[in-house]
Amino acid sequence: MFRTTHTIKQAAAGIALATTIAVLVVPTALAGSALRDGRAPDTRDAAAVAHQAGSTLVDGRSPDTADAARVAQQSLYGAPDGWYGYAVSLTQASRSGVTPLDGRAPDTLDSAIQAHAPVVTIVRSPGFQWGDFGIGVAAALGLVLLAAVSLRVLTTRNRRPVPVVTA
């Protein structure tokens, strides 16, 4: 494949250069924009739903998960005592002004809202996208380096000296 040390050094230098450029350019281009407040989209959605309902009390579990937790607690500690129902009724009475929240996951809520009221959002580009430019330049440079190294290897391979056979 490689016949001379010089060709091997050139190929290694080309690969090292392409790798260095990729290591420097690609993470910057793929980093994207930072979240506005540092929270995940689901957390932000759940907080918005709680804020709209006028409550800071949110049980983000689905009804099935809450039931399973209740059954698991009863299997460990036994059935609730006689005061449990009274305590629950007092709690519900104190929350009478609070709208109960849906126990569905934020993604499920988002899908349901979008299914009933699709919204078209037109987003304007803020200007030149340097991240996209960096990805394009890195890809083009990598392709050019790969073509140059391949061409160099192929042209060197055709110049091999032909051995002379003597009798």
Protein backbone atom coordinates (compact mmCIF):
# COMPACT_ATOMS: atom_id res chain seq x y z
CA MET A 1 0.00 0.00 0.00
CA PHE A 2 2.46 2.71 1.17
CA ARG A 3 5.92 2.18 -0.31
CA THR A 4 7.91 5.01 1.13
CA THR A 5 8.24 6.63 4.51
CA HIS A 6 7.67 10.02 2.90
CA THR A 7 4.22 8.97 1.63
CA ILE A 8 3.29 7.58 5.02
CA LYS A 9 4.35 10.83 6.70
CA GLN A 10 2.33 12.89 4.22
CA ALA A 11 -0.77 10.75 4.74
CA ALA A 12 -0.38 10.93 8.52
CA ALA A 13 0.04 14.70 8.38
CA GLY A 14 -3.11 15.05 6.24
CA ILE A 15 -5.13 12.87 8.60
CA ALA A 16 -3.79 14.74 11.63
CA LEU A 17 -4.66 18.09 10.05
CA ALA A 18 -8.18 16.97 9.16
CA THR A 19 -8.72 15.56 12.66
CA THR A 20 -7.45 18.75 14.29
CA ILE A 21 -9.76 20.91 12.22
CA ALA A 22 -12.71 18.62 12.96
CA VAL A 23 -11.97 18.66 16.69
CA LEU A 24 -11.83 22.45 16.73
CA VAL A 25 -14.76 23.27 14.43
CA VAL A 26 -17.43 20.59 14.90
CA PRO A 27 -18.13 20.95 18.67
CA THR A 28 -18.54 24.69 18.28
CA ALA A 29 -20.90 24.26 15.36
CA LEU A 30 -22.97 21.56 17.06
CA ALA A 31 -23.21 23.34 20.41
CA GLY A 32 -26.41 25.16 19.44
CA SER A 33 -28.01 27.87 21.44
CA ALA A 34 -28.12 27.73 25.22
CA LEU A 35 -31.41 27.30 27.01
CA ARG A 36 -32.94 30.57 28.10
CA ASP A 37 -33.26 29.75 31.76
CA GLY A 38 -31.15 26.59 32.06
CA ARG A 39 -34.17 24.31 32.52
CA ALA A 40 -35.12 21.38 30.32
CA PRO A 41 -38.11 21.96 28.00
CA ASP A 42 -40.30 19.49 29.94
CA THR A 43 -39.55 21.22 33.24
CA ARG A 44 -40.31 24.60 31.71
CA ASP A 45 -43.62 23.24 30.28
CA ALA A 46 -44.70 21.79 33.63
CA ALA A 47 -43.92 25.07 35.38
CA ALA A 48 -45.95 26.98 32.77
CA VAL A 49 -48.94 24.66 33.23
CA ALA A 50 -48.74 25.06 37.02
CA HIS A 51 -48.49 28.83 36.67
CA GLN A 52 -51.53 28.98 34.36
CA ALA A 53 -53.54 26.90 36.83
CA GLY A 54 -52.66 29.35 39.60
CA SER A 55 -51.07 26.68 41.74
CA THR A 56 -47.58 25.87 42.83
CA LEU A 57 -48.69 22.39 43.94
CA VAL A 58 -47.97 19.99 41.09
CA ASP A 59 -47.94 16.22 41.16
CA GLY A 60 -46.30 15.41 37.86
CA ARG A 61 -47.06 11.71 38.09
CA SER A 62 -49.63 10.02 35.89
CA PRO A 63 -52.67 8.53 37.67
CA ASP A 64 -51.33 5.01 37.09
CA THR A 65 -48.02 5.91 38.70
CA ALA A 66 -49.76 7.51 41.68
CA ASP A 67 -51.96 4.40 42.12
CA ALA A 68 -48.93 2.11 41.93
CA ALA A 69 -47.14 4.22 44.55
CA ARG A 70 -50.20 4.08 46.83
CA VAL A 71 -50.39 0.26 46.49
CA ALA A 72 -46.66 -0.09 47.18
CA GLN A 73 -46.94 2.10 50.27
CA GLN A 74 -49.89 0.08 51.57
CA SER A 75 -47.99 -3.19 51.03
CA LEU A 76 -45.10 -1.86 53.14
CA TYR A 77 -46.99 -0.02 55.89
CA GLY A 78 -50.47 -1.53 55.76
CA ALA A 79 -53.81 0.14 55.15
CA PRO A 80 -54.23 3.74 56.28
CA ASP A 81 -55.80 4.31 59.69
CA GLY A 82 -59.28 5.71 60.30
CA TRP A 83 -58.09 9.30 60.31
CA TYR A 84 -56.72 9.07 56.76
CA GLY A 85 -60.06 9.79 55.05
CA TYR A 86 -60.69 12.76 57.36
CA ALA A 87 -57.21 14.17 56.64
CA VAL A 88 -57.74 13.77 52.89
CA SER A 89 -61.10 15.57 53.08
CA LEU A 90 -59.50 18.46 54.99
CA THR A 91 -56.72 18.69 52.43
CA GLN A 92 -59.19 18.70 49.55
CA ALA A 93 -61.29 21.35 51.28
CA SER A 94 -58.24 23.56 51.73
CA ARG A 95 -57.49 23.19 48.01
CA SER A 96 -61.00 24.02 46.89
CA GLY A 97 -59.80 27.21 45.20
CA VAL A 98 -57.04 25.37 43.36
CA THR A 99 -57.82 23.84 40.01
CA PRO A 100 -56.67 20.20 39.98
CA LEU A 101 -53.95 19.58 37.44
CA ASP A 102 -53.83 16.84 34.90
CA GLY A 103 -51.36 14.09 35.84
CA ARG A 104 -50.15 13.57 32.30
CA ALA A 105 -46.52 14.05 31.32
CA PRO A 106 -45.61 17.45 29.82
CA ASP A 107 -44.90 15.88 26.41
CA THR A 108 -48.35 14.28 26.39
CA LEU A 109 -49.94 17.62 27.30
CA ASP A 110 -47.99 19.38 24.54
CA SER A 111 -49.13 16.80 21.97
CA ALA A 112 -52.74 17.06 23.06
CA ILE A 113 -52.69 20.86 22.88
CA GLN A 114 -51.09 20.86 19.44
CA ALA A 115 -53.55 18.24 18.16
CA HIS A 116 -56.51 20.46 19.05
CA ALA A 117 -55.04 23.84 18.17
CA PRO A 118 -52.18 23.67 15.65
CA VAL A 119 -50.11 26.83 15.55
CA VAL A 120 -48.00 28.01 12.66
CA THR A 121 -44.91 29.89 13.77
CA ILE A 122 -42.84 31.82 11.29
CA VAL A 123 -39.30 32.26 12.53
CA ARG A 124 -37.01 34.85 11.02
CA SER A 125 -33.36 34.08 10.75
CA PRO A 126 -31.28 36.31 13.04
CA GLY A 127 -28.63 36.67 10.36
CA PHE A 128 -25.69 34.72 9.07
CA GLN A 129 -25.47 31.28 10.69
CA TRP A 130 -21.81 30.87 11.60
CA GLY A 131 -22.37 27.40 13.02
CA ASP A 132 -23.74 26.12 9.71
CA PHE A 133 -20.87 27.83 7.91
CA GLY A 134 -18.33 26.07 10.15
CA ILE A 135 -19.90 22.67 9.51
CA GLY A 136 -19.86 23.28 5.76
CA VAL A 137 -16.25 24.45 5.75
CA ALA A 138 -15.13 21.49 7.87
CA ALA A 139 -16.93 19.01 5.62
CA ALA A 140 -15.54 20.58 2.45
CA LEU A 141 -12.01 20.74 3.84
CA GLY A 142 -12.20 17.13 5.00
CA LEU A 143 -13.38 16.05 1.55
CA VAL A 144 -10.58 17.99 -0.17
CA LEU A 145 -7.95 16.50 2.18
CA LEU A 146 -9.31 13.00 1.63
CA ALA A 147 -9.22 13.48 -2.14
CA ALA A 148 -5.68 14.92 -2.02
CA VAL A 149 -4.32 12.08 0.12
CA SER A 150 -6.06 9.48 -2.07
CA LEU A 151 -4.67 11.07 -5.23
CA ARG A 152 -1.19 11.20 -3.76
CA VAL A 153 -1.33 7.54 -2.73
CA LEU A 154 -2.62 6.44 -6.14
CA THR A 155 -0.03 8.41 -8.13
CA THR A 156 2.81 7.15 -5.94
CA ARG A 157 1.65 3.58 -6.39
CA ASN A 158 1.87 3.80 -10.21
CA ARG A 159 5.52 4.95 -10.17
CA ARG A 160 6.93 1.77 -8.67
CA PRO A 161 10.10 0.62 -10.35
CA VAL A 162 9.65 -2.54 -12.37
CA PRO A 163 12.15 -5.23 -11.39
CA VAL A 164 14.46 -6.32 -14.20
CA VAL A 165 14.74 -10.05 -14.65
CA THR A 166 18.11 -11.32 -15.90
CA ALA A 167 18.97 -14.84 -16.82
